[in-house]
Amino acid sequence: MTQTSNLLTQPVNNQAVIKHFLIGAGIALLVILFFLLGVQHPKPEWGSLWMIKPLIITPLAGGMGGLFFYFMGRVRSLGGWKTALGYIVSLSGYAIALFMGIVLGLNGTLWD
């Protein structure tokens, strides 16, 4: 009996996935807190709990960016110029996810 290998299905390390998600979410949380803590007098039409939306959406988007970074790890491990390209794509993907999380989280309040 011959064993076939499928290159598209690779085992997923659950601990590494959780670690990358939490690191991405933590960075996003720090970034959004930087913006939110600077607001001294929020507009009354925003409501009293206006900070909840950005504090939920932005870390979730950052976590998804961290997952993207994890799944690009296979490309980063190829060596040579592919490693550099892998890091560029991984960091760009995280930055885009973080930016989209900030925009979606602050939509209707600080982002008009």
N, C-alpha and C. Protein backbone atom coordinates (compact mmCIF):
# COMPACT_ATOMS: atom_id res chain seq x y z
N MET A 1 0.85 -1.17 0.00
CA MET A 1 0.00 0.00 0.00
C MET A 1 0.90 1.24 0.00
N THR A 2 0.62 2.15 -0.88
CA THR A 2 1.42 3.37 -0.96
C THR A 2 0.71 4.49 -0.23
N GLN A 3 1.50 5.29 0.43
CA GLN A 3 0.94 6.40 1.17
C GLN A 3 1.05 7.66 0.32
N THR A 4 -0.05 8.35 0.18
CA THR A 4 -0.03 9.59 -0.60
C THR A 4 0.07 10.76 0.36
N SER A 5 0.73 11.78 -0.09
CA SER A 5 0.85 12.98 0.73
C SER A 5 0.14 14.12 0.01
N ASN A 6 -0.68 14.81 0.76
CA ASN A 6 -1.40 15.95 0.22
C ASN A 6 -0.72 17.22 0.73
N LEU A 7 -0.14 17.98 -0.17
CA LEU A 7 0.60 19.17 0.23
C LEU A 7 -0.30 20.29 0.71
N LEU A 8 -1.58 20.22 0.39
CA LEU A 8 -2.48 21.29 0.78
C LEU A 8 -2.98 21.15 2.20
N THR A 9 -2.97 19.95 2.74
CA THR A 9 -3.42 19.76 4.12
C THR A 9 -2.22 19.53 5.01
N GLN A 10 -1.96 20.48 5.84
CA GLN A 10 -0.86 20.42 6.79
C GLN A 10 -1.46 20.39 8.20
N PRO A 11 -0.82 19.73 9.14
CA PRO A 11 -1.34 19.73 10.52
C PRO A 11 -1.26 21.13 11.11
N VAL A 12 -2.25 21.43 11.92
CA VAL A 12 -2.32 22.75 12.55
C VAL A 12 -1.97 22.58 14.02
N ASN A 13 -1.03 23.35 14.48
CA ASN A 13 -0.62 23.35 15.88
C ASN A 13 -1.55 24.28 16.64
N ASN A 14 -2.46 23.71 17.44
CA ASN A 14 -3.47 24.52 18.12
C ASN A 14 -2.86 25.54 19.07
N GLN A 15 -1.81 25.18 19.77
CA GLN A 15 -1.18 26.12 20.68
C GLN A 15 -0.57 27.30 19.94
N ALA A 16 0.04 27.03 18.81
CA ALA A 16 0.63 28.12 18.02
C ALA A 16 -0.46 29.01 17.43
N VAL A 17 -1.58 28.42 17.02
CA VAL A 17 -2.69 29.22 16.49
C VAL A 17 -3.21 30.16 17.56
N ILE A 18 -3.43 29.62 18.75
CA ILE A 18 -3.94 30.45 19.85
C ILE A 18 -2.93 31.54 20.20
N LYS A 19 -1.65 31.19 20.23
CA LYS A 19 -0.59 32.16 20.56
C LYS A 19 -0.57 33.30 19.54
N HIS A 20 -0.62 32.98 18.25
CA HIS A 20 -0.60 34.02 17.23
C HIS A 20 -1.86 34.88 17.29
N PHE A 21 -3.01 34.26 17.54
CA PHE A 21 -4.26 35.02 17.66
C PHE A 21 -4.18 35.99 18.83
N LEU A 22 -3.71 35.51 19.98
CA LEU A 22 -3.65 36.37 21.17
C LEU A 22 -2.62 37.48 21.02
N ILE A 23 -1.50 37.21 20.40
CA ILE A 23 -0.51 38.26 20.17
C ILE A 23 -1.06 39.33 19.23
N GLY A 24 -1.70 38.89 18.14
CA GLY A 24 -2.30 39.85 17.21
C GLY A 24 -3.39 40.67 17.87
N ALA A 25 -4.23 40.02 18.68
CA ALA A 25 -5.30 40.73 19.38
C ALA A 25 -4.74 41.68 20.43
N GLY A 26 -3.67 41.28 21.11
CA GLY A 26 -3.06 42.15 22.12
C GLY A 26 -2.47 43.41 21.52
N ILE A 27 -1.80 43.27 20.40
CA ILE A 27 -1.25 44.44 19.72
C ILE A 27 -2.37 45.37 19.29
N ALA A 28 -3.43 44.79 18.73
CA ALA A 28 -4.57 45.60 18.28
C ALA A 28 -5.25 46.29 19.46
N LEU A 29 -5.34 45.59 20.58
CA LEU A 29 -5.94 46.20 21.77
C LEU A 29 -5.13 47.40 22.25
N LEU A 30 -3.82 47.27 22.25
CA LEU A 30 -2.97 48.40 22.66
C LEU A 30 -3.12 49.58 21.71
N VAL A 31 -3.22 49.30 20.41
CA VAL A 31 -3.37 50.38 19.43
C VAL A 31 -4.70 51.09 19.61
N ILE A 32 -5.78 50.34 19.79
CA ILE A 32 -7.09 50.98 19.92
C ILE A 32 -7.20 51.71 21.26
N LEU A 33 -6.57 51.19 22.30
CA LEU A 33 -6.57 51.91 23.58
C LEU A 33 -5.85 53.24 23.47
N PHE A 34 -4.80 53.29 22.66
CA PHE A 34 -4.09 54.54 22.44
C PHE A 34 -5.04 55.61 21.89
N PHE A 35 -5.91 55.22 20.95
CA PHE A 35 -6.86 56.16 20.38
C PHE A 35 -7.99 56.48 21.35
N LEU A 36 -8.51 55.49 22.06
CA LEU A 36 -9.68 55.69 22.90
C LEU A 36 -9.37 56.47 24.17
N LEU A 37 -8.22 56.24 24.75
CA LEU A 37 -7.90 56.92 26.00
C LEU A 37 -7.59 58.40 25.80
N GLY A 38 -7.38 58.82 24.59
CA GLY A 38 -7.14 60.22 24.31
C GLY A 38 -8.40 61.06 24.22
N VAL A 39 -9.57 60.43 24.24
CA VAL A 39 -10.84 61.15 24.14
C VAL A 39 -11.24 61.61 25.53
N GLN A 40 -11.22 62.92 25.75
CA GLN A 40 -11.57 63.48 27.06
C GLN A 40 -13.07 63.74 27.19
N HIS A 41 -13.66 64.31 26.13
CA HIS A 41 -15.07 64.67 26.18
C HIS A 41 -15.76 64.11 24.94
N PRO A 42 -16.30 62.88 25.02
CA PRO A 42 -16.97 62.30 23.86
C PRO A 42 -18.28 63.03 23.57
N LYS A 43 -18.69 62.96 22.33
CA LYS A 43 -19.94 63.60 21.94
C LYS A 43 -21.12 62.87 22.59
N PRO A 44 -22.13 63.60 23.02
CA PRO A 44 -23.27 62.96 23.70
C PRO A 44 -24.05 62.02 22.78
N GLU A 45 -24.06 62.25 21.48
CA GLU A 45 -24.83 61.39 20.58
C GLU A 45 -24.19 60.01 20.40
N TRP A 46 -22.96 59.83 20.88
CA TRP A 46 -22.31 58.52 20.78
C TRP A 46 -22.87 57.54 21.80
N GLY A 47 -23.46 58.03 22.86
CA GLY A 47 -23.96 57.15 23.92
C GLY A 47 -22.91 56.94 24.99
N SER A 48 -23.33 56.33 26.07
CA SER A 48 -22.41 56.16 27.20
C SER A 48 -21.47 54.97 27.03
N LEU A 49 -21.84 53.98 26.23
CA LEU A 49 -21.02 52.79 26.05
C LEU A 49 -20.37 52.75 24.66
N TRP A 50 -19.98 53.88 24.17
CA TRP A 50 -19.47 53.96 22.81
C TRP A 50 -18.13 53.25 22.64
N MET A 51 -17.39 53.03 23.72
CA MET A 51 -16.08 52.39 23.62
C MET A 51 -16.15 50.87 23.44
N ILE A 52 -17.30 50.27 23.70
CA ILE A 52 -17.40 48.80 23.64
C ILE A 52 -17.18 48.28 22.23
N LYS A 53 -17.78 48.93 21.24
CA LYS A 53 -17.65 48.46 19.86
C LYS A 53 -16.20 48.41 19.39
N PRO A 54 -15.41 49.49 19.52
CA PRO A 54 -14.02 49.39 19.07
C PRO A 54 -13.18 48.43 19.91
N LEU A 55 -13.52 48.27 21.19
CA LEU A 55 -12.75 47.37 22.05
C LEU A 55 -13.03 45.90 21.75
N ILE A 56 -14.09 45.61 21.03
CA ILE A 56 -14.39 44.23 20.63
C ILE A 56 -13.91 43.97 19.20
N ILE A 57 -14.27 44.86 18.28
CA ILE A 57 -14.01 44.62 16.86
C ILE A 57 -12.52 44.69 16.52
N THR A 58 -11.83 45.67 17.05
CA THR A 58 -10.42 45.85 16.68
C THR A 58 -9.54 44.68 17.15
N PRO A 59 -9.65 44.21 18.39
CA PRO A 59 -8.83 43.04 18.76
C PRO A 59 -9.21 41.77 17.97
N LEU A 60 -10.48 41.61 17.62
CA LEU A 60 -10.85 40.46 16.79
C LEU A 60 -10.18 40.54 15.42
N ALA A 61 -10.17 41.72 14.84
CA ALA A 61 -9.51 41.88 13.54
C ALA A 61 -8.00 41.68 13.68
N GLY A 62 -7.43 42.16 14.77
CA GLY A 62 -6.00 41.93 15.02
C GLY A 62 -5.69 40.45 15.21
N GLY A 63 -6.60 39.74 15.86
CA GLY A 63 -6.42 38.30 16.02
C GLY A 63 -6.47 37.58 14.69
N MET A 64 -7.36 38.01 13.81
CA MET A 64 -7.43 37.41 12.47
C MET A 64 -6.15 37.71 11.69
N GLY A 65 -5.61 38.90 11.89
CA GLY A 65 -4.32 39.22 11.27
C GLY A 65 -3.21 38.34 11.82
N GLY A 66 -3.26 38.04 13.11
CA GLY A 66 -2.30 37.12 13.71
C GLY A 66 -2.43 35.71 13.14
N LEU A 67 -3.66 35.28 12.87
CA LEU A 67 -3.87 33.98 12.24
C LEU A 67 -3.32 33.97 10.82
N PHE A 68 -3.50 35.07 10.11
CA PHE A 68 -2.92 35.17 8.77
C PHE A 68 -1.40 35.04 8.84
N PHE A 69 -0.81 35.69 9.84
CA PHE A 69 0.64 35.61 10.02
C PHE A 69 1.06 34.17 10.29
N TYR A 70 0.27 33.44 11.09
CA TYR A 70 0.59 32.03 11.38
C TYR A 70 0.54 31.19 10.11
N PHE A 71 -0.52 31.34 9.34
CA PHE A 71 -0.68 30.49 8.17
C PHE A 71 0.31 30.86 7.05
N MET A 72 0.88 32.03 7.08
CA MET A 72 1.92 32.39 6.12
C MET A 72 3.29 31.86 6.56
N GLY A 73 3.37 31.24 7.72
CA GLY A 73 4.63 30.72 8.24
C GLY A 73 5.26 29.68 7.33
N ARG A 74 4.43 28.94 6.63
CA ARG A 74 4.96 27.94 5.70
C ARG A 74 5.73 28.61 4.56
N VAL A 75 5.25 29.73 4.09
CA VAL A 75 5.95 30.48 3.03
C VAL A 75 7.24 31.08 3.59
N ARG A 76 7.18 31.58 4.84
CA ARG A 76 8.37 32.20 5.43
C ARG A 76 9.47 31.19 5.68
N SER A 77 9.14 29.91 5.77
CA SER A 77 10.15 28.89 6.07
C SER A 77 10.81 28.31 4.81
N LEU A 78 10.48 28.83 3.63
CA LEU A 78 11.03 28.28 2.39
C LEU A 78 12.48 28.68 2.15
N GLY A 79 12.92 29.77 2.74
CA GLY A 79 14.30 30.20 2.59
C GLY A 79 14.51 31.15 1.42
N GLY A 80 15.61 31.86 1.48
CA GLY A 80 15.96 32.78 0.41
C GLY A 80 15.03 33.98 0.31
N TRP A 81 14.82 34.40 -0.93
CA TRP A 81 13.99 35.57 -1.17
C TRP A 81 12.53 35.29 -0.81
N LYS A 82 12.13 34.02 -0.78
CA LYS A 82 10.76 33.68 -0.42
C LYS A 82 10.48 33.99 1.05
N THR A 83 11.50 33.88 1.88
CA THR A 83 11.34 34.23 3.29
C THR A 83 11.08 35.73 3.44
N ALA A 84 11.86 36.53 2.74
CA ALA A 84 11.66 37.98 2.80
C ALA A 84 10.29 38.36 2.27
N LEU A 85 9.90 37.76 1.15
CA LEU A 85 8.58 38.04 0.59
C LEU A 85 7.48 37.57 1.55
N GLY A 86 7.70 36.43 2.20
CA GLY A 86 6.73 35.93 3.16
C GLY A 86 6.54 36.88 4.33
N TYR A 87 7.64 37.44 4.84
CA TYR A 87 7.52 38.41 5.93
C TYR A 87 6.83 39.68 5.47
N ILE A 88 7.13 40.14 4.27
CA ILE A 88 6.49 41.35 3.76
C ILE A 88 4.99 41.14 3.62
N VAL A 89 4.60 40.01 3.03
CA VAL A 89 3.17 39.72 2.85
C VAL A 89 2.50 39.51 4.21
N SER A 90 3.16 38.81 5.12
CA SER A 90 2.57 38.55 6.44
C SER A 90 2.34 39.85 7.21
N LEU A 91 3.35 40.70 7.26
CA LEU A 91 3.21 41.96 8.00
C LEU A 91 2.23 42.91 7.31
N SER A 92 2.22 42.90 5.98
CA SER A 92 1.24 43.73 5.26
C SER A 92 -0.18 43.24 5.52
N GLY A 93 -0.37 41.94 5.53
CA GLY A 93 -1.69 41.38 5.83
C GLY A 93 -2.14 41.72 7.23
N TYR A 94 -1.24 41.65 8.19
CA TYR A 94 -1.60 42.03 9.56
C TYR A 94 -1.94 43.52 9.63
N ALA A 95 -1.16 44.36 8.98
CA ALA A 95 -1.42 45.81 9.00
C ALA A 95 -2.77 46.13 8.36
N ILE A 96 -3.11 45.45 7.29
CA ILE A 96 -4.41 45.67 6.64
C ILE A 96 -5.54 45.22 7.57
N ALA A 97 -5.38 44.06 8.21
CA ALA A 97 -6.41 43.58 9.14
C ALA A 97 -6.56 44.54 10.31
N LEU A 98 -5.46 45.04 10.83
CA LEU A 98 -5.51 46.00 11.94
C LEU A 98 -6.18 47.29 11.51
N PHE A 99 -5.83 47.80 10.34
CA PHE A 99 -6.45 49.03 9.85
C PHE A 99 -7.95 48.85 9.66
N MET A 100 -8.36 47.73 9.07
CA MET A 100 -9.78 47.49 8.87
C MET A 100 -10.51 47.36 10.21
N GLY A 101 -9.87 46.75 11.20
CA GLY A 101 -10.48 46.66 12.52
C GLY A 101 -10.65 48.02 13.17
N ILE A 102 -9.66 48.87 13.01
CA ILE A 102 -9.77 50.22 13.57
C ILE A 102 -10.88 50.99 12.88
N VAL A 103 -10.95 50.91 11.56
CA VAL A 103 -11.99 51.62 10.82
C VAL A 103 -13.38 51.11 11.20
N LEU A 104 -13.55 49.80 11.24
CA LEU A 104 -14.86 49.25 11.60
C LEU A 104 -15.22 49.53 13.05
N GLY A 105 -14.23 49.51 13.92
CA GLY A 105 -14.50 49.76 15.33
C GLY A 105 -14.84 51.21 15.63
N LEU A 106 -14.17 52.12 14.97
CA LEU A 106 -14.39 53.54 15.23
C LEU A 106 -15.43 54.18 14.31
N ASN A 107 -16.01 53.41 13.41
CA ASN A 107 -17.02 53.93 12.51
C ASN A 107 -18.22 54.48 13.31
N GLY A 108 -18.55 55.72 13.08
CA GLY A 108 -19.66 56.35 13.76
C GLY A 108 -19.25 57.12 14.99
N THR A 109 -18.00 56.98 15.43
CA THR A 109 -17.56 57.76 16.59
C THR A 109 -16.37 58.62 16.19
N LEU A 110 -15.18 58.15 16.42
CA LEU A 110 -13.99 58.94 16.09
C LEU A 110 -13.69 58.93 14.59
N TRP A 111 -14.21 57.96 13.87
CA TRP A 111 -13.93 57.84 12.43
C TRP A 111 -15.17 58.30 11.66
N ASP A 112 -15.23 59.57 11.34
CA ASP A 112 -16.38 60.10 10.58
C ASP A 112 -15.99 60.37 9.17
